[in-house]
């Protein structure tokens, strides 16, 4: 259960509006970053670099994201189609970057 407002370290709320497409993009980036939503927003707003770091933890995050994508595709649920597209785009970009860093120069762009 969340602590009372008086006991919180952060007392201020920031709100802003997003289009459906922007929301899907942000949700995809939050999922792939592995950060809690609040921490991701704070880093983004404070102009700190928010990046996806590869490694075992990221590999597990990518695996879970792929499982989510597969489940949604099996269901035939088009309600989350834009989020699925954003997640796939991010996953492919991570894969391309990791393969390029590993010396695999034959990756098609």
N, C-alpha and C. Protein backbone atom coordinates (compact mmCIF):
# COMPACT_ATOMS: atom_id res chain seq x y z
N UNK A 1 0.84 -1.18 0.00
CA UNK A 1 0.00 0.00 0.00
C UNK A 1 0.89 1.24 0.00
N UNK A 2 0.48 2.24 -0.75
CA UNK A 2 1.26 3.47 -0.86
C UNK A 2 1.25 4.24 0.46
N UNK A 3 2.33 4.96 0.70
CA UNK A 3 2.41 5.74 1.93
C UNK A 3 1.53 6.99 1.81
N UNK A 4 1.23 7.59 2.96
CA UNK A 4 0.43 8.80 2.96
C UNK A 4 1.21 9.93 2.29
N UNK A 5 0.50 10.87 1.74
CA UNK A 5 1.12 11.98 1.01
C UNK A 5 2.15 12.72 1.87
N UNK A 6 1.86 12.90 3.15
CA UNK A 6 2.77 13.62 4.05
C UNK A 6 4.12 12.91 4.17
N UNK A 7 4.10 11.58 4.08
CA UNK A 7 5.32 10.80 4.26
C UNK A 7 6.12 10.64 2.95
N UNK A 8 5.59 11.13 1.86
CA UNK A 8 6.26 10.98 0.57
C UNK A 8 7.47 11.89 0.45
N UNK A 9 8.48 11.40 -0.23
CA UNK A 9 9.67 12.19 -0.53
C UNK A 9 9.35 13.21 -1.62
N UNK A 10 8.52 12.81 -2.56
CA UNK A 10 8.12 13.69 -3.68
C UNK A 10 6.66 14.08 -3.47
N UNK A 11 6.40 15.38 -3.41
CA UNK A 11 5.06 15.87 -3.11
C UNK A 11 4.34 16.45 -4.31
N UNK A 12 5.00 16.58 -5.44
CA UNK A 12 4.43 17.29 -6.59
C UNK A 12 4.03 16.33 -7.71
N UNK A 13 2.93 16.67 -8.38
CA UNK A 13 2.45 15.89 -9.50
C UNK A 13 2.57 16.73 -10.76
N UNK A 14 3.00 16.08 -11.84
CA UNK A 14 3.05 16.74 -13.15
C UNK A 14 2.16 15.92 -14.08
N UNK A 15 1.30 16.59 -14.83
CA UNK A 15 0.41 15.90 -15.77
C UNK A 15 0.52 16.57 -17.14
N UNK A 16 0.36 15.77 -18.20
CA UNK A 16 0.37 16.31 -19.55
C UNK A 16 -0.43 15.38 -20.44
N UNK A 17 -0.83 15.90 -21.61
CA UNK A 17 -1.66 15.17 -22.53
C UNK A 17 -0.83 14.56 -23.65
N UNK A 18 -1.22 13.37 -24.09
CA UNK A 18 -0.56 12.68 -25.20
C UNK A 18 -1.62 12.18 -26.18
N UNK A 19 -1.24 12.10 -27.45
CA UNK A 19 -2.12 11.45 -28.42
C UNK A 19 -2.05 9.95 -28.19
N UNK A 20 -2.94 9.19 -28.82
CA UNK A 20 -2.91 7.73 -28.68
C UNK A 20 -1.57 7.17 -29.18
N UNK A 21 -1.08 7.71 -30.29
CA UNK A 21 0.18 7.24 -30.86
C UNK A 21 1.35 7.55 -29.92
N UNK A 22 1.37 8.76 -29.36
CA UNK A 22 2.43 9.13 -28.42
C UNK A 22 2.39 8.24 -27.18
N UNK A 23 1.19 7.97 -26.69
CA UNK A 23 1.03 7.12 -25.50
C UNK A 23 1.57 5.73 -25.77
N UNK A 24 1.27 5.19 -26.95
CA UNK A 24 1.78 3.86 -27.31
C UNK A 24 3.30 3.85 -27.37
N UNK A 25 3.88 4.91 -27.91
CA UNK A 25 5.33 5.00 -28.00
C UNK A 25 5.96 5.06 -26.61
N UNK A 26 5.39 5.88 -25.74
CA UNK A 26 5.91 6.00 -24.38
C UNK A 26 5.76 4.69 -23.63
N UNK A 27 4.59 4.04 -23.73
CA UNK A 27 4.38 2.76 -23.05
C UNK A 27 5.39 1.72 -23.51
N UNK A 28 5.65 1.67 -24.81
CA UNK A 28 6.63 0.72 -25.35
C UNK A 28 8.02 0.99 -24.78
N UNK A 29 8.41 2.25 -24.73
CA UNK A 29 9.73 2.60 -24.21
C UNK A 29 9.86 2.29 -22.72
N UNK A 30 8.78 2.52 -21.97
CA UNK A 30 8.81 2.22 -20.54
C UNK A 30 8.98 0.72 -20.33
N UNK A 31 8.24 -0.08 -21.06
CA UNK A 31 8.34 -1.53 -20.93
C UNK A 31 9.76 -1.99 -21.22
N UNK A 32 10.31 -1.49 -22.31
CA UNK A 32 11.63 -1.93 -22.72
C UNK A 32 12.76 -1.37 -21.86
N UNK A 33 12.52 -0.24 -21.21
CA UNK A 33 13.57 0.34 -20.36
C UNK A 33 13.79 -0.48 -19.10
N UNK A 34 12.73 -1.16 -18.65
CA UNK A 34 12.84 -1.92 -17.41
C UNK A 34 12.72 -1.06 -16.17
N UNK A 35 12.44 0.22 -16.36
CA UNK A 35 12.32 1.15 -15.22
C UNK A 35 10.87 1.23 -14.76
N UNK A 36 10.66 1.52 -13.48
CA UNK A 36 9.29 1.85 -13.04
C UNK A 36 8.83 3.10 -13.80
N UNK A 37 7.54 3.19 -14.02
CA UNK A 37 6.98 4.28 -14.82
C UNK A 37 7.37 5.65 -14.28
N UNK A 38 7.26 5.85 -12.97
CA UNK A 38 7.59 7.15 -12.38
C UNK A 38 9.05 7.52 -12.58
N UNK A 39 9.94 6.53 -12.42
CA UNK A 39 11.36 6.79 -12.60
C UNK A 39 11.67 7.13 -14.06
N UNK A 40 11.03 6.41 -14.98
CA UNK A 40 11.23 6.70 -16.40
C UNK A 40 10.82 8.14 -16.71
N UNK A 41 9.64 8.54 -16.24
CA UNK A 41 9.16 9.90 -16.50
C UNK A 41 10.10 10.94 -15.88
N UNK A 42 10.56 10.70 -14.64
CA UNK A 42 11.46 11.67 -14.02
C UNK A 42 12.73 11.82 -14.84
N UNK A 43 13.31 10.72 -15.27
CA UNK A 43 14.54 10.80 -16.08
C UNK A 43 14.29 11.51 -17.39
N UNK A 44 13.18 11.21 -18.04
CA UNK A 44 12.87 11.84 -19.32
C UNK A 44 12.63 13.34 -19.16
N UNK A 45 11.89 13.72 -18.14
CA UNK A 45 11.58 15.14 -17.92
C UNK A 45 12.81 15.93 -17.52
N UNK A 46 13.70 15.32 -16.76
CA UNK A 46 14.91 16.01 -16.31
C UNK A 46 16.02 15.97 -17.36
N UNK A 47 15.69 15.51 -18.54
CA UNK A 47 16.60 15.46 -19.69
C UNK A 47 17.82 14.58 -19.45
N UNK A 48 17.64 13.60 -18.61
CA UNK A 48 18.68 12.61 -18.44
C UNK A 48 18.48 11.56 -19.52
N UNK A 49 19.56 10.99 -19.97
CA UNK A 49 19.45 9.97 -21.01
C UNK A 49 18.76 8.74 -20.45
N UNK A 50 17.74 8.30 -21.15
CA UNK A 50 17.04 7.07 -20.80
C UNK A 50 17.39 6.08 -21.90
N UNK A 51 18.13 5.04 -21.55
CA UNK A 51 18.56 4.10 -22.58
C UNK A 51 18.28 2.67 -22.16
N UNK A 52 18.20 1.82 -23.16
CA UNK A 52 18.01 0.40 -22.93
C UNK A 52 19.39 -0.22 -22.92
N UNK A 53 19.75 -0.87 -21.81
CA UNK A 53 21.06 -1.47 -21.67
C UNK A 53 20.93 -2.97 -21.83
N UNK A 54 21.74 -3.52 -22.71
CA UNK A 54 21.68 -4.96 -22.96
C UNK A 54 22.40 -5.72 -21.86
N UNK A 55 22.04 -6.95 -21.70
CA UNK A 55 22.63 -7.82 -20.69
C UNK A 55 21.61 -8.87 -20.32
N UNK A 56 21.91 -9.64 -19.29
CA UNK A 56 21.00 -10.72 -18.89
C UNK A 56 19.63 -10.16 -18.50
N UNK A 57 19.62 -9.10 -17.71
CA UNK A 57 18.36 -8.51 -17.29
C UNK A 57 17.56 -8.05 -18.50
N UNK A 58 18.24 -7.38 -19.45
CA UNK A 58 17.55 -6.89 -20.63
C UNK A 58 17.07 -8.05 -21.49
N UNK A 59 17.86 -9.11 -21.57
CA UNK A 59 17.45 -10.27 -22.34
C UNK A 59 16.16 -10.86 -21.77
N UNK A 60 16.05 -10.88 -20.44
CA UNK A 60 14.82 -11.37 -19.80
C UNK A 60 13.65 -10.43 -20.09
N UNK A 61 13.91 -9.11 -20.07
CA UNK A 61 12.86 -8.13 -20.38
C UNK A 61 12.39 -8.30 -21.82
N UNK A 62 13.33 -8.49 -22.72
CA UNK A 62 12.98 -8.67 -24.13
C UNK A 62 12.17 -9.95 -24.28
N UNK A 63 12.58 -11.01 -23.58
CA UNK A 63 11.84 -12.27 -23.63
C UNK A 63 10.41 -12.11 -23.15
N UNK A 64 10.23 -11.39 -22.05
CA UNK A 64 8.87 -11.15 -21.54
C UNK A 64 8.06 -10.30 -22.50
N UNK A 65 8.71 -9.30 -23.09
CA UNK A 65 8.00 -8.46 -24.06
C UNK A 65 7.57 -9.29 -25.27
N UNK A 66 8.44 -10.19 -25.72
CA UNK A 66 8.09 -11.06 -26.84
C UNK A 66 6.93 -11.99 -26.48
N UNK A 67 6.92 -12.49 -25.25
CA UNK A 67 5.80 -13.33 -24.80
C UNK A 67 4.50 -12.54 -24.80
N UNK A 68 4.55 -11.29 -24.35
CA UNK A 68 3.35 -10.44 -24.36
C UNK A 68 2.86 -10.24 -25.79
N UNK A 69 3.79 -9.96 -26.69
CA UNK A 69 3.44 -9.76 -28.09
C UNK A 69 2.79 -11.02 -28.66
N UNK A 70 3.40 -12.16 -28.39
CA UNK A 70 2.87 -13.42 -28.91
C UNK A 70 1.47 -13.68 -28.37
N UNK A 71 1.25 -13.42 -27.08
CA UNK A 71 -0.08 -13.62 -26.48
C UNK A 71 -1.13 -12.74 -27.15
N UNK A 72 -0.79 -11.47 -27.34
CA UNK A 72 -1.74 -10.55 -27.97
C UNK A 72 -2.03 -10.96 -29.41
N UNK A 73 -1.00 -11.40 -30.12
CA UNK A 73 -1.19 -11.83 -31.49
C UNK A 73 -2.05 -13.10 -31.56
N UNK A 74 -1.85 -14.01 -30.62
CA UNK A 74 -2.67 -15.23 -30.57
C UNK A 74 -4.13 -14.90 -30.32
N UNK A 75 -4.37 -13.90 -29.47
CA UNK A 75 -5.74 -13.50 -29.13
C UNK A 75 -6.42 -12.80 -30.31
N UNK A 76 -5.62 -12.28 -31.23
CA UNK A 76 -6.19 -11.52 -32.33
C UNK A 76 -6.72 -10.18 -31.86
N UNK A 77 -6.16 -9.66 -30.78
CA UNK A 77 -6.61 -8.42 -30.16
C UNK A 77 -6.01 -7.23 -30.90
N UNK A 78 -6.82 -6.52 -31.66
CA UNK A 78 -6.31 -5.36 -32.40
C UNK A 78 -6.36 -4.08 -31.58
N UNK A 79 -6.95 -4.14 -30.39
CA UNK A 79 -7.04 -2.96 -29.53
C UNK A 79 -5.65 -2.42 -29.19
N UNK A 80 -4.68 -3.31 -29.03
CA UNK A 80 -3.33 -2.93 -28.66
C UNK A 80 -2.37 -2.97 -29.84
N UNK A 81 -2.91 -2.85 -31.03
CA UNK A 81 -2.09 -2.99 -32.24
C UNK A 81 -0.95 -1.97 -32.29
N UNK A 82 -1.20 -0.72 -31.95
CA UNK A 82 -0.15 0.30 -32.01
C UNK A 82 0.94 0.00 -30.99
N UNK A 83 0.57 -0.41 -29.79
CA UNK A 83 1.57 -0.77 -28.77
C UNK A 83 2.41 -1.95 -29.26
N UNK A 84 1.78 -2.93 -29.88
CA UNK A 84 2.51 -4.08 -30.40
C UNK A 84 3.51 -3.64 -31.46
N UNK A 85 3.10 -2.74 -32.34
CA UNK A 85 4.01 -2.24 -33.38
C UNK A 85 5.19 -1.51 -32.76
N UNK A 86 4.94 -0.68 -31.77
CA UNK A 86 6.01 0.06 -31.12
C UNK A 86 6.98 -0.89 -30.41
N UNK A 87 6.45 -1.90 -29.72
CA UNK A 87 7.31 -2.86 -29.03
C UNK A 87 8.17 -3.63 -30.03
N UNK A 88 7.57 -4.06 -31.12
CA UNK A 88 8.33 -4.78 -32.14
C UNK A 88 9.43 -3.91 -32.73
N UNK A 89 9.12 -2.65 -33.00
CA UNK A 89 10.11 -1.72 -33.54
C UNK A 89 11.27 -1.56 -32.58
N UNK A 90 10.98 -1.35 -31.30
CA UNK A 90 12.03 -1.19 -30.30
C UNK A 90 12.86 -2.46 -30.16
N UNK A 91 12.20 -3.63 -30.14
CA UNK A 91 12.93 -4.89 -30.00
C UNK A 91 13.85 -5.12 -31.20
N UNK A 92 13.37 -4.83 -32.38
CA UNK A 92 14.21 -4.99 -33.57
C UNK A 92 15.40 -4.05 -33.54
N UNK A 93 15.20 -2.83 -33.06
CA UNK A 93 16.30 -1.87 -32.98
C UNK A 93 17.35 -2.34 -31.98
N UNK A 94 16.92 -2.86 -30.84
CA UNK A 94 17.84 -3.39 -29.85
C UNK A 94 18.64 -4.55 -30.45
N UNK A 95 17.93 -5.44 -31.13
CA UNK A 95 18.59 -6.60 -31.74
C UNK A 95 19.62 -6.15 -32.76
N UNK A 96 19.27 -5.18 -33.61
CA UNK A 96 20.20 -4.68 -34.61
C UNK A 96 21.42 -4.04 -33.95
N UNK A 97 21.19 -3.24 -32.92
CA UNK A 97 22.30 -2.58 -32.22
C UNK A 97 23.22 -3.60 -31.57
N UNK A 98 22.66 -4.60 -30.93
CA UNK A 98 23.46 -5.62 -30.26
C UNK A 98 24.27 -6.42 -31.27
N UNK A 99 23.67 -6.76 -32.39
CA UNK A 99 24.40 -7.52 -33.41
C UNK A 99 25.49 -6.67 -34.05
N UNK A 100 25.23 -5.39 -34.23
CA UNK A 100 26.25 -4.51 -34.79
C UNK A 100 27.42 -4.38 -33.82
N UNK A 101 27.13 -4.26 -32.52
CA UNK A 101 28.18 -4.15 -31.51
C UNK A 101 29.00 -5.44 -31.43
N UNK A 102 28.35 -6.56 -31.72
CA UNK A 102 29.04 -7.85 -31.66
C UNK A 102 29.89 -8.11 -32.89
N UNK A 103 29.87 -7.18 -33.85
CA UNK A 103 30.70 -7.33 -35.03
C UNK A 103 30.00 -7.96 -36.22
N UNK A 104 28.71 -8.13 -36.15
CA UNK A 104 27.95 -8.69 -37.27
C UNK A 104 27.57 -7.56 -38.21
N UNK A 105 28.40 -7.30 -39.19
CA UNK A 105 28.22 -6.16 -40.09
C UNK A 105 27.24 -6.42 -41.22
N UNK A 106 26.75 -7.65 -41.36
CA UNK A 106 25.90 -7.98 -42.48
C UNK A 106 24.42 -7.77 -42.20
N UNK A 107 24.11 -7.01 -41.17
CA UNK A 107 22.71 -6.76 -40.80
C UNK A 107 22.11 -5.76 -41.77
N UNK A 108 20.97 -6.13 -42.33
CA UNK A 108 20.28 -5.24 -43.27
C UNK A 108 19.49 -4.20 -42.49
N UNK A 109 19.54 -2.96 -42.97
CA UNK A 109 18.81 -1.89 -42.28
C UNK A 109 17.45 -1.71 -42.89
